[in-house]
C-alpha cells in the first residue's frame, strides 16, 4: 500500500456522499415527492425532472464504490478484506446498473440490481469491519453496526415490512448506511495511513517498529499458551482421585492371627 492509494481510495469512498446531495436536488424538483412513501428509484424515472442527474449519480456511485475498494483492498487485512473486495465490487456494479436501467425501463433488471447493491453493500460493510478491527476497534464496531442495520433493512424492505416508516423510508434505512459507512471507513483509513505506512520500509520489508510489534505479539501469545497449559495441568491434578491406602504386606494378617499374649513362646507383634 502506498500513500497515493490510501489518499485516492479514501477520497473515492468519501465522495459517495454525493448521493445525498443529488437525491435532495432531484426530490426538490419532483413535485410532491415523499421520502417516506416514494422509493429512491422514482427519482430516476421519466416522471422526475432531474432523472438524468439522479441516474448519473447512481452510475457515479457504482464507480466510486468499486474504485475505492480496489485501491484500498490491499490495506484491508485477512479474510474480511478479501471478502470486502468481492462484495463491494458487486455492490458498485449493482448501483451502476440501477442508473443505467431505470425502474420504468426494465423493472426486473432494475430490482435485481438494486437488491444486489443493498445486500452486497451491507454485508460488505461487515467484512470491512472485520478487516479494519486490527487498526481500530471503534471503527470496526461502527461499520459492523451499520452493516447489520443495512442487512435488516434490506430484508424488511424486500418483505414489505415497513414498521411505520413507509416503503421509501425502509428502503432508505437499507440504502443510506452504505455511503455513510464507506465514507467513515475511507476517511479513517486515509487519516491512519501514516501510522500504518510506518510499519514497512520503502522496499516492503518490515520496519523496526513492525518487528517490535511482532515480537510483542509473539511474547503475549507465548505467555497466554503457558498460562493455559498451567491451568490445564492444575485442573487435571484437581480431578485426579486420591491415592488409596497401601494394602497390608503379605504375612501381616497371619502373624496377627497367630499372636497369643498368654503363650510365652508366641512371636512378638511388631
C-alpha atoms as a PDB file:
ATOM      1  CA  UNK A   1       0.000   0.000   0.000  1.00  0.00           C
ATOM      2  CA  UNK A   2       1.278   3.454  -0.953  1.00  0.00           C
ATOM      3  CA  UNK A   3       0.289   6.883   0.252  1.00  0.00           C
ATOM      4  CA  UNK A   4      -1.457   7.650  -3.038  1.00  0.00           C
ATOM      5  CA  UNK A   5      -3.625   4.523  -2.835  1.00  0.00           C
ATOM      6  CA  UNK A   6      -4.780   5.440   0.655  1.00  0.00           C
ATOM      7  CA  UNK A   7      -5.453   9.011  -0.471  1.00  0.00           C
ATOM      8  CA  UNK A   8      -7.401   8.234  -3.642  1.00  0.00           C
ATOM      9  CA  UNK A   9      -9.188   5.185  -2.244  1.00  0.00           C
ATOM     10  CA  UNK A  10     -10.294   7.069   0.852  1.00  0.00           C
ATOM     11  CA  UNK A  11     -11.372  10.040  -1.243  1.00  0.00           C
ATOM     12  CA  UNK A  12     -13.441   7.810  -3.539  1.00  0.00           C
ATOM     13  CA  UNK A  13     -15.402   6.440  -0.588  1.00  0.00           C
ATOM     14  CA  UNK A  14     -15.872   9.861   0.965  1.00  0.00           C
ATOM     15  CA  UNK A  15     -17.261  11.135  -2.340  1.00  0.00           C
ATOM     16  CA  UNK A  16     -20.036   8.521  -2.233  1.00  0.00           C
ATOM     17  CA  UNK A  17     -21.805  11.108  -0.074  1.00  0.00           C
ATOM     18  CA  UNK A  18     -22.580  12.919  -3.336  1.00  0.00           C
ATOM     19  CA  UNK A  19     -25.636  10.662  -3.484  1.00  0.00           C
ATOM     20  CA  UNK A  20     -27.366  12.585  -0.701  1.00  0.00           C
ATOM     21  CA  UNK A  21     -26.787  15.938  -2.406  1.00  0.00           C
ATOM     22  CA  UNK A  22     -28.094  14.769  -5.762  1.00  0.00           C
ATOM     23  CA  UNK A  23     -31.061  12.992  -4.177  1.00  0.00           C
ATOM     24  CA  UNK A  24     -32.082  16.177  -2.354  1.00  0.00           C
ATOM     25  CA  UNK A  25     -31.906  18.182  -5.593  1.00  0.00           C
ATOM     26  CA  UNK A  26     -33.905  15.579  -7.542  1.00  0.00           C
ATOM     27  CA  UNK A  27     -36.528  15.271  -4.777  1.00  0.00           C
ATOM     28  CA  UNK A  28     -36.941  19.044  -4.659  1.00  0.00           C
ATOM     29  CA  UNK A  29     -37.608  19.128  -8.391  1.00  0.00           C
ATOM     30  CA  UNK A  30     -40.074  16.204  -8.203  1.00  0.00           C
ATOM     31  CA  UNK A  31     -43.470  17.652  -7.338  1.00  0.00           C
ATOM     32  CA  UNK A  32     -44.970  16.154  -4.185  1.00  0.00           C
ATOM     33  CA  UNK A  33     -42.150  13.695  -3.612  1.00  0.00           C
ATOM     34  CA  UNK A  34     -42.200  11.961  -0.194  1.00  0.00           C
ATOM     35  CA  UNK A  35     -39.093  10.424   1.366  1.00  0.00           C
ATOM     36  CA  UNK A  36     -41.387   8.081   3.303  1.00  0.00           C
ATOM     37  CA  UNK A  37     -43.908   6.969   0.690  1.00  0.00           C
ATOM     38  CA  UNK A  38     -41.807   7.111  -2.518  1.00  0.00           C
ATOM     39  CA  UNK A  39     -38.801   4.914  -3.279  1.00  0.00           C
ATOM     40  CA  UNK A  40     -35.442   6.266  -4.403  1.00  0.00           C
ATOM     41  CA  UNK A  41     -35.768   4.773  -7.884  1.00  0.00           C
ATOM     42  CA  UNK A  42     -38.726   7.053  -8.649  1.00  0.00           C
ATOM     43  CA  UNK A  43     -36.258   9.940  -8.899  1.00  0.00           C
ATOM     44  CA  UNK A  44     -34.694   8.284 -11.947  1.00  0.00           C
ATOM     45  CA  UNK A  45     -37.885   7.624 -13.904  1.00  0.00           C
ATOM     46  CA  UNK A  46     -39.473   9.662 -16.682  1.00  0.00           C
ATOM     47  CA  UNK A  47     -41.698  11.424 -14.138  1.00  0.00           C
ATOM     48  CA  UNK A  48     -38.680  13.069 -12.499  1.00  0.00           C
ATOM     49  CA  UNK A  49     -37.447  16.392 -13.853  1.00  0.00           C
ATOM     50  CA  UNK A  50     -33.922  15.533 -12.653  1.00  0.00           C
ATOM     51  CA  UNK A  51     -33.868  11.914 -13.827  1.00  0.00           C
ATOM     52  CA  UNK A  52     -30.633  12.323 -15.802  1.00  0.00           C
ATOM     53  CA  UNK A  53     -28.924  13.847 -12.785  1.00  0.00           C
ATOM     54  CA  UNK A  54     -30.198  11.081 -10.471  1.00  0.00           C
ATOM     55  CA  UNK A  55     -29.260   8.244 -12.811  1.00  0.00           C
ATOM     56  CA  UNK A  56     -25.869   9.829 -13.344  1.00  0.00           C
ATOM     57  CA  UNK A  57     -25.436   9.847  -9.563  1.00  0.00           C
ATOM     58  CA  UNK A  58     -26.239   6.114  -9.437  1.00  0.00           C
ATOM     59  CA  UNK A  59     -23.606   5.383 -12.085  1.00  0.00           C
ATOM     60  CA  UNK A  60     -21.016   7.565 -10.371  1.00  0.00           C
ATOM     61  CA  UNK A  61     -21.819   5.887  -7.050  1.00  0.00           C
ATOM     62  CA  UNK A  62     -21.032   2.484  -8.512  1.00  0.00           C
ATOM     63  CA  UNK A  63     -17.715   3.681  -9.915  1.00  0.00           C
ATOM     64  CA  UNK A  64     -16.714   5.308  -6.604  1.00  0.00           C
ATOM     65  CA  UNK A  65     -17.564   2.222  -4.519  1.00  0.00           C
ATOM     66  CA  UNK A  66     -15.673  -0.178  -6.781  1.00  0.00           C
ATOM     67  CA  UNK A  67     -12.697   2.146  -7.279  1.00  0.00           C
ATOM     68  CA  UNK A  68     -12.382   2.743  -3.536  1.00  0.00           C
ATOM     69  CA  UNK A  69     -12.304  -0.918  -2.586  1.00  0.00           C
ATOM     70  CA  UNK A  70      -9.881  -1.814  -5.385  1.00  0.00           C
ATOM     71  CA  UNK A  71      -7.486   0.920  -4.247  1.00  0.00           C
ATOM     72  CA  UNK A  72      -7.825   0.221  -0.522  1.00  0.00           C
ATOM     73  CA  UNK A  73      -8.191  -3.550  -0.809  1.00  0.00           C
ATOM     74  CA  UNK A  74      -4.531  -4.474  -0.180  1.00  0.00           C
ATOM     75  CA  UNK A  75      -4.667  -2.478   3.056  1.00  0.00           C
ATOM     76  CA  UNK A  76      -7.638  -4.480   4.372  1.00  0.00           C
ATOM     77  CA  UNK A  77      -6.434  -7.439   6.410  1.00  0.00           C
ATOM     78  CA  UNK A  78      -7.333 -11.125   6.312  1.00  0.00           C
ATOM     79  CA  UNK A  79     -10.402 -12.894   5.020  1.00  0.00           C
ATOM     80  CA  UNK A  80     -12.526  -9.851   5.808  1.00  0.00           C
ATOM     81  CA  UNK A  81     -10.514  -7.770   3.353  1.00  0.00           C
ATOM     82  CA  UNK A  82     -10.746 -10.382   0.611  1.00  0.00           C
ATOM     83  CA  UNK A  83     -14.488 -10.772   1.105  1.00  0.00           C
ATOM     84  CA  UNK A  84     -14.968  -6.995   1.186  1.00  0.00           C
ATOM     85  CA  UNK A  85     -13.306  -6.618  -2.214  1.00  0.00           C
ATOM     86  CA  UNK A  86     -15.702  -9.087  -3.827  1.00  0.00           C
ATOM     87  CA  UNK A  87     -18.863  -7.825  -2.138  1.00  0.00           C
ATOM     88  CA  UNK A  88     -18.242  -4.118  -2.627  1.00  0.00           C
ATOM     89  CA  UNK A  89     -17.373  -4.563  -6.295  1.00  0.00           C
ATOM     90  CA  UNK A  90     -20.730  -6.352  -6.657  1.00  0.00           C
ATOM     91  CA  UNK A  91     -22.448  -3.537  -4.753  1.00  0.00           C
ATOM     92  CA  UNK A  92     -20.842  -0.988  -7.061  1.00  0.00           C
ATOM     93  CA  UNK A  93     -21.900  -2.874 -10.178  1.00  0.00           C
ATOM     94  CA  UNK A  94     -25.424  -3.185  -8.787  1.00  0.00           C
ATOM     95  CA  UNK A  95     -25.991   0.527  -8.251  1.00  0.00           C
ATOM     96  CA  UNK A  96     -24.297   1.325 -11.569  1.00  0.00           C
ATOM     97  CA  UNK A  97     -26.829  -0.926 -13.307  1.00  0.00           C
ATOM     98  CA  UNK A  98     -29.626   0.778 -11.353  1.00  0.00           C
ATOM     99  CA  UNK A  99     -28.616   4.045 -13.022  1.00  0.00           C
ATOM    100  CA  UNK A 100     -28.302   2.530 -16.482  1.00  0.00           C
ATOM    101  CA  UNK A 101     -31.646   0.682 -16.307  1.00  0.00           C
ATOM    102  CA  UNK A 102     -34.347   2.822 -14.588  1.00  0.00           C
ATOM    103  CA  UNK A 103     -37.328   1.119 -12.988  1.00  0.00           C
ATOM    104  CA  UNK A 104     -39.667   2.306 -15.752  1.00  0.00           C
ATOM    105  CA  UNK A 105     -37.361   0.764 -18.366  1.00  0.00           C
ATOM    106  CA  UNK A 106     -36.827  -2.845 -17.288  1.00  0.00           C
ATOM    107  CA  UNK A 107     -38.283  -3.310 -13.823  1.00  0.00           C
ATOM    108  CA  UNK A 108     -36.922  -6.832 -13.307  1.00  0.00           C
ATOM    109  CA  UNK A 109     -33.305  -5.952 -14.094  1.00  0.00           C
ATOM    110  CA  UNK A 110     -33.593  -2.782 -12.036  1.00  0.00           C
ATOM    111  CA  UNK A 111     -34.973  -4.599  -8.979  1.00  0.00           C
ATOM    112  CA  UNK A 112     -32.345  -7.371  -9.130  1.00  0.00           C
ATOM    113  CA  UNK A 113     -29.548  -4.814  -9.456  1.00  0.00           C
ATOM    114  CA  UNK A 114     -30.921  -2.807  -6.528  1.00  0.00           C
ATOM    115  CA  UNK A 115     -31.173  -5.938  -4.361  1.00  0.00           C
ATOM    116  CA  UNK A 116     -27.564  -6.882  -5.177  1.00  0.00           C
ATOM    117  CA  UNK A 117     -26.419  -3.386  -4.290  1.00  0.00           C
ATOM    118  CA  UNK A 118     -28.248  -3.267  -0.964  1.00  0.00           C
ATOM    119  CA  UNK A 119     -27.381  -6.762   0.243  1.00  0.00           C
ATOM    120  CA  UNK A 120     -23.787  -6.910  -1.012  1.00  0.00           C
ATOM    121  CA  UNK A 121     -23.150  -3.390   0.245  1.00  0.00           C
ATOM    122  CA  UNK A 122     -24.438  -4.122   3.755  1.00  0.00           C
ATOM    123  CA  UNK A 123     -22.553  -7.419   4.106  1.00  0.00           C
ATOM    124  CA  UNK A 124     -19.518  -5.735   2.545  1.00  0.00           C
ATOM    125  CA  UNK A 125     -19.531  -3.196   5.379  1.00  0.00           C
ATOM    126  CA  UNK A 126     -19.441  -6.052   7.893  1.00  0.00           C
ATOM    127  CA  UNK A 127     -16.487  -7.572   6.019  1.00  0.00           C
ATOM    128  CA  UNK A 128     -14.678  -4.221   6.078  1.00  0.00           C
ATOM    129  CA  UNK A 129     -15.395  -4.043   9.827  1.00  0.00           C
ATOM    130  CA  UNK A 130     -13.500  -7.289  10.427  1.00  0.00           C
ATOM    131  CA  UNK A 131     -10.695  -6.156   8.129  1.00  0.00           C
ATOM    132  CA  UNK A 132     -10.100  -2.870   9.982  1.00  0.00           C
ATOM    133  CA  UNK A 133     -10.505  -4.162  13.552  1.00  0.00           C
ATOM    134  CA  UNK A 134      -6.710  -4.660  13.953  1.00  0.00           C
ATOM    135  CA  UNK A 135      -6.376  -0.928  13.312  1.00  0.00           C
ATOM    136  CA  UNK A 136      -9.316   0.402  15.290  1.00  0.00           C
ATOM    137  CA  UNK A 137     -11.811  -1.467  17.444  1.00  0.00           C
ATOM    138  CA  UNK A 138     -14.145   1.535  17.402  1.00  0.00           C
ATOM    139  CA  UNK A 139     -14.136   1.811  13.615  1.00  0.00           C
ATOM    140  CA  UNK A 140     -14.751  -1.911  13.235  1.00  0.00           C
ATOM    141  CA  UNK A 141     -17.677  -1.829  15.659  1.00  0.00           C
ATOM    142  CA  UNK A 142     -19.235   1.191  13.922  1.00  0.00           C
ATOM    143  CA  UNK A 143     -19.047  -0.431  10.489  1.00  0.00           C
ATOM    144  CA  UNK A 144     -20.401  -3.739  11.819  1.00  0.00           C
ATOM    145  CA  UNK A 145     -23.432  -1.998  13.334  1.00  0.00           C
ATOM    146  CA  UNK A 146     -24.114  -0.077  10.118  1.00  0.00           C
ATOM    147  CA  UNK A 147     -23.795  -3.276   8.109  1.00  0.00           C
ATOM    148  CA  UNK A 148     -26.238  -5.130  10.353  1.00  0.00           C
ATOM    149  CA  UNK A 149     -28.740  -2.263  10.087  1.00  0.00           C
ATOM    150  CA  UNK A 150     -28.411  -2.448   6.312  1.00  0.00           C
ATOM    151  CA  UNK A 151     -28.972  -6.215   6.217  1.00  0.00           C
ATOM    152  CA  UNK A 152     -32.065  -5.977   8.435  1.00  0.00           C
ATOM    153  CA  UNK A 153     -33.394  -3.005   6.462  1.00  0.00           C
ATOM    154  CA  UNK A 154     -32.916  -4.872   3.179  1.00  0.00           C
ATOM    155  CA  UNK A 155     -34.756  -7.937   4.485  1.00  0.00           C
ATOM    156  CA  UNK A 156     -37.628  -5.834   5.822  1.00  0.00           C
ATOM    157  CA  UNK A 157     -37.852  -3.788   2.620  1.00  0.00           C
ATOM    158  CA  UNK A 158     -37.888  -6.913   0.457  1.00  0.00           C
ATOM    159  CA  UNK A 159     -40.545  -8.460   2.700  1.00  0.00           C
ATOM    160  CA  UNK A 160     -42.740  -5.309   2.643  1.00  0.00           C
ATOM    161  CA  UNK A 161     -42.328  -4.842   6.400  1.00  0.00           C
ATOM    162  CA  UNK A 162     -42.062  -1.077   6.795  1.00  0.00           C
ATOM    163  CA  UNK A 163     -42.627  -0.607  10.566  1.00  0.00           C
ATOM    164  CA  UNK A 164     -44.452   2.658  10.034  1.00  0.00           C
ATOM    165  CA  UNK A 165     -41.578   4.184   8.019  1.00  0.00           C
ATOM    166  CA  UNK A 166     -43.266   3.700   4.668  1.00  0.00           C
ATOM    167  CA  UNK A 167     -41.814   1.935   1.652  1.00  0.00           C
ATOM    168  CA  UNK A 168     -39.415   4.761   0.857  1.00  0.00           C
ATOM    169  CA  UNK A 169     -38.404   5.140   4.490  1.00  0.00           C
ATOM    170  CA  UNK A 170     -37.471   1.479   4.914  1.00  0.00           C
ATOM    171  CA  UNK A 171     -35.572   1.490   1.622  1.00  0.00           C
ATOM    172  CA  UNK A 172     -33.542   4.421   2.882  1.00  0.00           C
ATOM    173  CA  UNK A 173     -32.702   2.554   6.093  1.00  0.00           C
ATOM    174  CA  UNK A 174     -31.199  -0.163   3.888  1.00  0.00           C
ATOM    175  CA  UNK A 175     -29.539   2.165   1.382  1.00  0.00           C
ATOM    176  CA  UNK A 176     -28.209   5.082   3.416  1.00  0.00           C
ATOM    177  CA  UNK A 177     -25.897   3.027   5.623  1.00  0.00           C
ATOM    178  CA  UNK A 178     -23.749   2.069   2.622  1.00  0.00           C
ATOM    179  CA  UNK A 179     -22.430   5.540   1.653  1.00  0.00           C
ATOM    180  CA  UNK A 180     -22.301   6.578   5.315  1.00  0.00           C
ATOM    181  CA  UNK A 181     -20.256   3.511   6.286  1.00  0.00           C
ATOM    182  CA  UNK A 182     -17.935   3.784   3.283  1.00  0.00           C
ATOM    183  CA  UNK A 183     -17.328   7.490   3.911  1.00  0.00           C
ATOM    184  CA  UNK A 184     -16.469   6.799   7.566  1.00  0.00           C
ATOM    185  CA  UNK A 185     -14.134   3.943   6.594  1.00  0.00           C
ATOM    186  CA  UNK A 186     -12.497   5.921   3.795  1.00  0.00           C
ATOM    187  CA  UNK A 187     -11.830   8.940   5.988  1.00  0.00           C
ATOM    188  CA  UNK A 188     -10.457   6.777   8.819  1.00  0.00           C
ATOM    189  CA  UNK A 189      -8.142   4.768   6.559  1.00  0.00           C
ATOM    190  CA  UNK A 190      -6.917   7.939   4.890  1.00  0.00           C
ATOM    191  CA  UNK A 191      -6.199   9.509   8.280  1.00  0.00           C
ATOM    192  CA  UNK A 192      -4.461   6.414   9.656  1.00  0.00           C
ATOM    193  CA  UNK A 193      -2.296   5.808   6.603  1.00  0.00           C
ATOM    194  CA  UNK A 194       0.820   7.427   8.114  1.00  0.00           C
ATOM    195  CA  UNK A 195       0.746   5.143  11.144  1.00  0.00           C
ATOM    196  CA  UNK A 196       0.423   2.027   9.050  1.00  0.00           C
ATOM    197  CA  UNK A 197       2.840   3.046   6.327  1.00  0.00           C
ATOM    198  CA  UNK A 198       5.413   3.463   9.103  1.00  0.00           C
ATOM    199  CA  UNK A 199       5.233  -0.286   9.712  1.00  0.00           C
ATOM    200  CA  UNK A 200       7.070  -1.040   6.449  1.00  0.00           C
ATOM    201  CA  UNK A 201      10.254   0.185   4.820  1.00  0.00           C
ATOM    202  CA  UNK A 202      10.243   1.608   1.284  1.00  0.00           C
ATOM    203  CA  UNK A 203      11.414  -1.774  -0.050  1.00  0.00           C
ATOM    204  CA  UNK A 204       8.448  -3.510   1.587  1.00  0.00           C
ATOM    205  CA  UNK A 205      10.433  -5.174   4.395  1.00  0.00           C
ATOM    206  CA  UNK A 206       9.196  -4.829   7.990  1.00  0.00           C
ATOM    207  CA  UNK A 207      10.411  -1.748   9.819  1.00  0.00           C
ATOM    208  CA  UNK A 208      11.880  -1.793  13.341  1.00  0.00           C
ATOM    209  CA  UNK A 209       8.524  -0.693  14.648  1.00  0.00           C
ATOM    210  CA  UNK A 210       6.838  -3.610  12.922  1.00  0.00           C
ATOM    211  CA  UNK A 211       9.461  -6.049  14.219  1.00  0.00           C
ATOM    212  CA  UNK A 212       8.987  -4.781  17.779  1.00  0.00           C
ATOM    213  CA  UNK A 213       5.235  -5.112  17.432  1.00  0.00           C
ATOM    214  CA  UNK A 214       5.573  -8.656  16.072  1.00  0.00           C
ATOM    215  CA  UNK A 215       7.895  -9.585  18.952  1.00  0.00           C
ATOM    216  CA  UNK A 216       5.454  -8.147  21.490  1.00  0.00           C
ATOM    217  CA  UNK A 217       2.573 -10.111  19.977  1.00  0.00           C
ATOM    218  CA  UNK A 218       4.652 -13.289  19.973  1.00  0.00           C
ATOM    219  CA  UNK A 219       5.578 -12.850  23.657  1.00  0.00           C
ATOM    220  CA  UNK A 220       1.944 -12.262  24.545  1.00  0.00           C
ATOM    221  CA  UNK A 221       0.898 -15.400  22.661  1.00  0.00           C
ATOM    222  CA  UNK A 222       3.557 -17.493  24.400  1.00  0.00           C
ATOM    223  CA  UNK A 223       2.513 -16.175  27.799  1.00  0.00           C
ATOM    224  CA  UNK A 224      -1.113 -16.980  27.046  1.00  0.00           C
ATOM    225  CA  UNK A 225      -0.187 -20.506  25.938  1.00  0.00           C
ATOM    226  CA  UNK A 226       1.917 -21.032  29.087  1.00  0.00           C
ATOM    227  CA  UNK A 227      -0.910 -19.844  31.337  1.00  0.00           C
ATOM    228  CA  UNK A 228      -3.372 -22.092  29.539  1.00  0.00           C
ATOM    229  CA  UNK A 229      -1.046 -25.096  29.969  1.00  0.00           C
ATOM    230  CA  UNK A 230      -0.628 -24.386  33.705  1.00  0.00           C
ATOM    231  CA  UNK A 231      -4.380 -24.051  34.188  1.00  0.00           C
ATOM    232  CA  UNK A 232      -4.981 -27.329  32.348  1.00  0.00           C
ATOM    233  CA  UNK A 233      -2.403 -29.108  34.499  1.00  0.00           C
ATOM    234  CA  UNK A 234      -3.993 -27.724  37.676  1.00  0.00           C
ATOM    235  CA  UNK A 235      -7.432 -28.915  36.553  1.00  0.00           C
ATOM    236  CA  UNK A 236      -6.114 -32.405  35.817  1.00  0.00           C
ATOM    237  CA  UNK A 237      -4.465 -32.563  39.240  1.00  0.00           C
ATOM    238  CA  UNK A 238      -7.687 -31.484  40.949  1.00  0.00           C
ATOM    239  CA  UNK A 239      -9.740 -34.055  39.055  1.00  0.00           C
ATOM    240  CA  UNK A 240      -7.326 -36.966  39.782  1.00  0.00           C
ATOM    241  CA  UNK A 241      -8.750 -39.361  42.510  1.00  0.00           C
ATOM    242  CA  UNK A 242      -6.992 -39.618  45.888  1.00  0.00           C
ATOM    243  CA  UNK A 243      -4.383 -42.423  46.245  1.00  0.00           C
ATOM    244  CA  UNK A 244      -5.939 -45.422  48.091  1.00  0.00           C
ATOM    245  CA  UNK A 245      -4.164 -46.765  51.214  1.00  0.00           C
ATOM    246  CA  UNK A 246      -1.495 -49.375  50.562  1.00  0.00           C
ATOM    247  CA  UNK A 247      -2.619 -52.968  51.158  1.00  0.00           C
ATOM    248  CA  UNK A 248      -1.031 -54.791  54.103  1.00  0.00           C
ATOM    249  CA  UNK A 249       2.169 -56.645  53.449  1.00  0.00           C
ATOM    250  CA  UNK A 250       1.872 -60.412  52.942  1.00  0.00           C
ATOM    251  CA  UNK A 251       2.076 -62.303  56.216  1.00  0.00           C
ATOM    252  CA  UNK A 252       0.954 -59.469  58.476  1.00  0.00           C
ATOM    253  CA  UNK A 253      -2.524 -60.939  58.844  1.00  0.00           C
ATOM    254  CA  UNK A 254      -1.104 -64.411  59.614  1.00  0.00           C
ATOM    255  CA  UNK A 255       1.127 -63.017  62.353  1.00  0.00           C
ATOM    256  CA  UNK A 256      -1.840 -61.146  63.851  1.00  0.00           C
ATOM    257  CA  UNK A 257      -3.925 -64.310  63.864  1.00  0.00           C
ATOM    258  CA  UNK A 258      -1.108 -66.424  65.496  1.00  0.00           C
ATOM    259  CA  UNK A 259      -0.361 -63.985  68.281  1.00  0.00           C
ATOM    260  CA  UNK A 260      -1.369 -65.178  71.767  1.00  0.00           C
ATOM    261  CA  UNK A 261      -0.491 -62.938  74.710  1.00  0.00           C
ATOM    262  CA  UNK A 262      -0.615 -65.962  77.135  1.00  0.00           C
ATOM    263  CA  UNK A 263       1.867 -68.027  75.120  1.00  0.00           C
ATOM    264  CA  UNK A 264       5.449 -67.075  76.101  1.00  0.00           C
ATOM    265  CA  UNK A 265       6.789 -68.827  73.010  1.00  0.00           C
ATOM    266  CA  UNK A 266       4.481 -66.975  70.596  1.00  0.00           C
ATOM    267  CA  UNK A 267       6.184 -64.500  68.195  1.00  0.00           C
ATOM    268  CA  UNK A 268       6.040 -60.921  69.268  1.00  0.00           C
ATOM    269  CA  UNK A 269       3.863 -58.491  67.363  1.00  0.00           C
ATOM    270  CA  UNK A 270       5.800 -55.810  65.629  1.00  0.00           C
END
